[in-house]
Amino acid sequence: MIHRVLIAEDHETVNISVQKTMNDFGVSDINYNYYCDDAFLRVKKSISENNPYDLLITDLSFDTDHRVQTLKCGFDLIKAVREIQPTIKILVFSSENKPAIIKSLYDNYNIDGYIRKARNDAKELKSAFEALLVGKKYFHHDYKTNINSLNIFEFSEWDVFVLKLLAQGKMQKEIPEILEQNNIKPSGLSSIEKRINKIKESFDIITTEQLIAFVKENGIV
């Protein structure tokens, strides 16, 4: 069951909306913080008092202001909370829409659900909460197709390095020298051209410009 919920969200209207949804499910023990550092300290205190939170709902982006923060974003908060309370359920509620970043949240940050701030997000929040209540992870169907397509093609560190160079405006013929300077193999122009063509074919992309736009849009670089 989910009895205690902590909301980390710096926009008051969103905060209130999430609280209302939790109230609709009969959750009355709800706390919220506008800063990641404060949210982390609250989680830490709840553990020390032997009254831990069952669910953390957090945004990914937090506006900066006069307060200096150690944990500057939701990614930092999730990582820090997971280290001290591995079993807490974590639901991300964010405007982020890049499939590669969302995939990383599941694969690398072990989140239990993701909701995008958009039309019908209140309805989706309810669906996510219902899934968490029965021990399931929540994954919106719109993202399953996008992320499954990314799963088909695994981007290596080498791929990302080369794609970043292309995104920076480097020509393919310039990249071999950069790879050699960084002791990265393979560094031959032929290997680069073959790999770039392979990526294009996998995602039905024709031009390098389209490829750059695609990897940026999906958070690969």
Protein backbone atom coordinates (compact mmCIF):
# COMPACT_ATOMS: atom_id res chain seq x y z
CA MET A 1 0.00 0.00 0.00
CA ILE A 2 0.94 3.64 -0.41
CA HIS A 3 0.25 5.64 2.75
CA ARG A 4 2.91 8.36 2.75
CA VAL A 5 3.72 10.47 -0.31
CA LEU A 6 6.36 13.15 -0.84
CA ILE A 7 6.05 15.57 -3.76
CA ALA A 8 9.11 17.42 -5.08
CA GLU A 9 7.79 20.12 -7.41
CA ASP A 10 8.67 23.81 -7.59
CA HIS A 11 5.48 24.98 -9.32
CA GLU A 12 2.73 25.52 -6.79
CA THR A 13 -0.23 24.89 -9.11
CA VAL A 14 1.18 21.52 -10.20
CA ASN A 15 1.93 20.69 -6.58
CA ILE A 16 -1.66 21.35 -5.56
CA SER A 17 -3.00 19.30 -8.47
CA VAL A 18 -0.87 16.29 -7.54
CA GLN A 19 -1.92 16.56 -3.90
CA LYS A 20 -5.59 16.57 -4.94
CA THR A 21 -5.09 13.40 -6.98
CA MET A 22 -3.47 11.71 -3.98
CA ASN A 23 -6.40 12.82 -1.79
CA ASP A 24 -8.81 11.27 -4.29
CA PHE A 25 -7.13 7.93 -3.59
CA GLY A 26 -7.48 8.39 0.15
CA VAL A 27 -3.85 9.33 0.79
CA SER A 28 -3.84 11.91 3.58
CA ASP A 29 -0.20 11.81 4.68
CA ILE A 30 1.27 14.03 1.98
CA ASN A 31 4.25 16.36 2.18
CA TYR A 32 5.82 18.53 -0.47
CA ASN A 33 8.98 20.53 -1.09
CA TYR A 34 9.94 23.08 -3.70
CA TYR A 35 13.66 22.22 -3.55
CA CYS A 36 15.44 18.91 -4.15
CA ASP A 37 17.74 19.37 -1.15
CA ASP A 38 14.75 19.87 1.15
CA ALA A 39 13.00 16.83 -0.29
CA PHE A 40 16.06 14.67 0.26
CA LEU A 41 16.42 15.84 3.87
CA ARG A 42 12.76 15.04 4.44
CA VAL A 43 13.25 11.50 3.10
CA LYS A 44 16.34 11.10 5.26
CA LYS A 45 14.47 12.28 8.36
CA SER A 46 11.53 9.98 7.70
CA ILE A 47 13.91 7.00 7.61
CA SER A 48 15.59 8.02 10.87
CA GLU A 49 12.15 8.29 12.48
CA ASN A 50 11.24 4.82 11.18
CA ASN A 51 8.35 6.30 9.22
CA PRO A 52 9.61 6.28 5.62
CA TYR A 53 7.73 7.52 2.58
CA ASP A 54 6.15 4.97 0.28
CA LEU A 55 6.20 7.14 -2.83
CA LEU A 56 8.24 10.06 -4.16
CA ILE A 57 6.70 12.08 -7.00
CA THR A 58 9.25 14.41 -8.54
CA ASP A 59 9.79 16.72 -11.46
CA LEU A 60 13.11 16.63 -13.32
CA SER A 61 13.69 20.36 -13.82
CA PHE A 62 13.77 22.87 -10.99
CA ASP A 63 14.13 26.62 -11.49
CA THR A 64 17.23 28.20 -9.98
CA ASP A 65 16.98 31.14 -7.59
CA HIS A 66 18.93 32.72 -4.73
CA ARG A 67 19.24 29.42 -2.85
CA VAL A 68 22.33 27.36 -3.64
CA GLN A 69 21.35 23.71 -4.06
CA THR A 70 23.48 20.57 -3.84
CA LEU A 71 20.86 18.51 -5.65
CA LYS A 72 20.00 20.66 -8.63
CA CYS A 73 17.48 18.50 -10.50
CA GLY A 74 15.21 15.50 -10.26
CA PHE A 75 17.92 13.20 -11.57
CA ASP A 76 20.14 14.16 -8.62
CA LEU A 77 17.28 13.72 -6.18
CA ILE A 78 16.29 10.30 -7.50
CA LYS A 79 19.86 9.04 -7.32
CA ALA A 80 20.36 10.35 -3.78
CA VAL A 81 17.05 8.96 -2.51
CA ARG A 82 17.65 5.55 -4.11
CA GLU A 83 20.95 5.30 -2.21
CA ILE A 84 19.33 5.73 1.21
CA GLN A 85 15.94 4.12 0.50
CA PRO A 86 16.23 1.64 -2.40
CA THR A 87 12.68 0.32 -2.04
CA ILE A 88 10.79 3.62 -2.26
CA LYS A 89 8.55 3.94 -5.29
CA ILE A 90 9.47 6.85 -7.55
CA LEU A 91 7.13 8.48 -10.04
CA VAL A 92 8.50 11.15 -12.38
CA PHE A 93 6.11 13.92 -13.44
CA SER A 94 7.88 16.08 -16.01
CA SER A 95 7.60 17.93 -19.31
CA GLU A 96 10.60 15.99 -20.65
CA ASN A 97 9.65 14.10 -23.82
CA LYS A 98 12.89 12.65 -25.21
CA PRO A 99 12.51 8.84 -25.40
CA ALA A 100 16.21 8.18 -24.71
CA ILE A 101 16.08 10.20 -21.49
CA ILE A 102 12.86 8.51 -20.37
CA LYS A 103 14.38 5.12 -21.17
CA SER A 104 17.41 6.05 -19.06
CA LEU A 105 15.14 6.91 -16.13
CA TYR A 106 13.79 3.37 -16.16
CA ASP A 107 17.06 1.59 -16.97
CA ASN A 108 19.56 3.61 -14.95
CA TYR A 109 17.52 5.31 -12.23
CA ASN A 110 15.06 2.47 -11.65
CA ILE A 111 11.95 4.67 -11.56
CA ASP A 112 8.53 3.08 -11.19
CA GLY A 113 6.63 5.33 -13.53
CA TYR A 114 6.83 8.35 -15.82
CA ILE A 115 4.13 10.90 -16.65
CA ARG A 116 4.55 13.77 -19.04
CA LYS A 117 3.01 17.12 -18.13
CA ALA A 118 0.51 17.56 -20.92
CA ARG A 119 -3.16 17.19 -21.72
CA ASN A 120 -4.90 14.58 -19.57
CA ASP A 121 -1.92 14.32 -17.22
CA ALA A 122 -4.26 14.24 -14.18
CA LYS A 123 -5.99 11.20 -15.65
CA GLU A 124 -2.63 9.61 -16.39
CA LEU A 125 -1.44 10.31 -12.85
CA LYS A 126 -4.41 8.33 -11.55
CA SER A 127 -3.61 5.44 -13.90
CA ALA A 128 0.01 5.47 -12.75
CA PHE A 129 -0.98 5.48 -9.09
CA GLU A 130 -3.34 2.55 -9.65
CA ALA A 131 -0.49 0.59 -11.25
CA LEU A 132 1.87 1.37 -8.37
CA LEU A 133 -0.75 0.28 -5.86
CA VAL A 134 -0.66 -3.27 -7.23
CA GLY A 135 3.14 -3.37 -7.50
CA LYS A 136 3.43 -2.67 -11.22
CA LYS A 137 5.56 -0.14 -13.05
CA TYR A 138 3.69 2.42 -15.08
CA PHE A 139 4.65 3.17 -18.65
CA HIS A 140 2.47 5.29 -20.92
CA HIS A 141 1.60 3.51 -24.17
CA ASP A 142 2.69 6.47 -26.33
CA TYR A 143 6.28 5.96 -25.19
CA LYS A 144 6.37 2.20 -25.55
CA THR A 145 6.59 2.41 -29.33
CA ASN A 146 9.24 5.14 -29.29
CA ILE A 147 11.43 3.47 -26.69
CA ASN A 148 11.04 0.02 -28.21
CA SER A 149 12.41 1.49 -31.43
CA LEU A 150 15.42 2.78 -29.50
CA ASN A 151 15.85 -0.64 -27.86
CA ILE A 152 16.24 -2.24 -31.28
CA PHE A 153 19.40 -0.22 -31.85
CA GLU A 154 21.86 0.01 -28.97
CA PHE A 155 23.96 3.16 -29.12
CA SER A 156 27.50 2.51 -27.88
CA GLU A 157 29.75 5.07 -26.22
CA TRP A 158 31.67 5.23 -29.50
CA ASP A 159 28.43 6.01 -31.36
CA VAL A 160 27.54 8.80 -28.95
CA PHE A 161 31.03 10.31 -29.15
CA VAL A 162 30.94 10.38 -32.96
CA LEU A 163 27.37 11.69 -33.06
CA LYS A 164 28.30 14.50 -30.67
CA LEU A 165 31.13 15.52 -33.01
CA LEU A 166 28.71 15.58 -35.93
CA ALA A 167 26.24 17.63 -33.87
CA GLN A 168 29.06 20.10 -33.14
CA GLY A 169 29.51 20.62 -36.88
CA LYS A 170 32.47 18.35 -37.51
CA MET A 171 32.74 16.75 -40.95
CA GLN A 172 33.07 12.98 -41.14
CA LYS A 173 36.52 13.33 -42.69
CA GLU A 174 37.65 15.35 -39.64
CA ILE A 175 36.55 12.76 -37.08
CA PRO A 176 39.30 10.10 -37.58
CA GLU A 177 41.98 12.50 -36.36
CA ILE A 178 39.92 13.44 -33.30
CA LEU A 179 39.37 9.76 -32.46
CA GLU A 180 43.09 9.06 -32.79
CA GLN A 181 43.93 12.00 -30.52
CA ASN A 182 41.64 10.51 -27.89
CA ASN A 183 42.91 6.96 -28.39
CA ILE A 184 39.45 5.80 -29.44
CA LYS A 185 39.14 2.80 -31.73
CA PRO A 186 38.11 2.23 -34.43
CA SER A 187 39.22 5.54 -35.87
CA GLY A 188 39.22 4.86 -39.61
CA LEU A 189 37.02 6.93 -41.91
CA SER A 190 35.58 3.76 -43.44
CA SER A 191 34.44 2.49 -40.01
CA ILE A 192 32.83 5.84 -39.26
CA GLU A 193 30.98 5.98 -42.58
CA LYS A 194 29.71 2.39 -42.23
CA ARG A 195 28.46 2.95 -38.69
CA ILE A 196 26.73 6.25 -39.53
CA ASN A 197 25.04 4.61 -42.52
CA LYS A 198 23.95 1.71 -40.30
CA ILE A 199 22.31 4.11 -37.83
CA LYS A 200 20.58 5.98 -40.65
CA GLU A 201 19.22 2.74 -42.11
CA SER A 202 17.97 1.55 -38.71
CA PHE A 203 15.84 4.66 -38.23
CA ASP A 204 14.96 5.29 -41.88
CA ILE A 205 17.01 8.51 -41.95
CA ILE A 206 18.44 9.86 -45.20
CA THR A 207 20.66 12.85 -44.47
CA THR A 208 23.22 13.62 -41.78
CA GLU A 209 21.22 16.73 -40.90
CA GLN A 210 18.18 14.55 -40.20
CA LEU A 211 20.33 12.20 -38.13
CA ILE A 212 21.64 15.05 -35.99
CA ALA A 213 18.10 16.35 -35.43
CA PHE A 214 16.94 12.83 -34.50
CA VAL A 215 19.65 12.14 -31.90
CA LYS A 216 19.15 15.57 -30.34
CA GLU A 217 15.37 15.19 -30.22
CA ASN A 218 15.65 11.79 -28.56
CA GLY A 219 18.26 12.82 -26.00
CA ILE A 220 20.99 10.58 -27.39
CA VAL A 221 23.43 13.50 -27.50
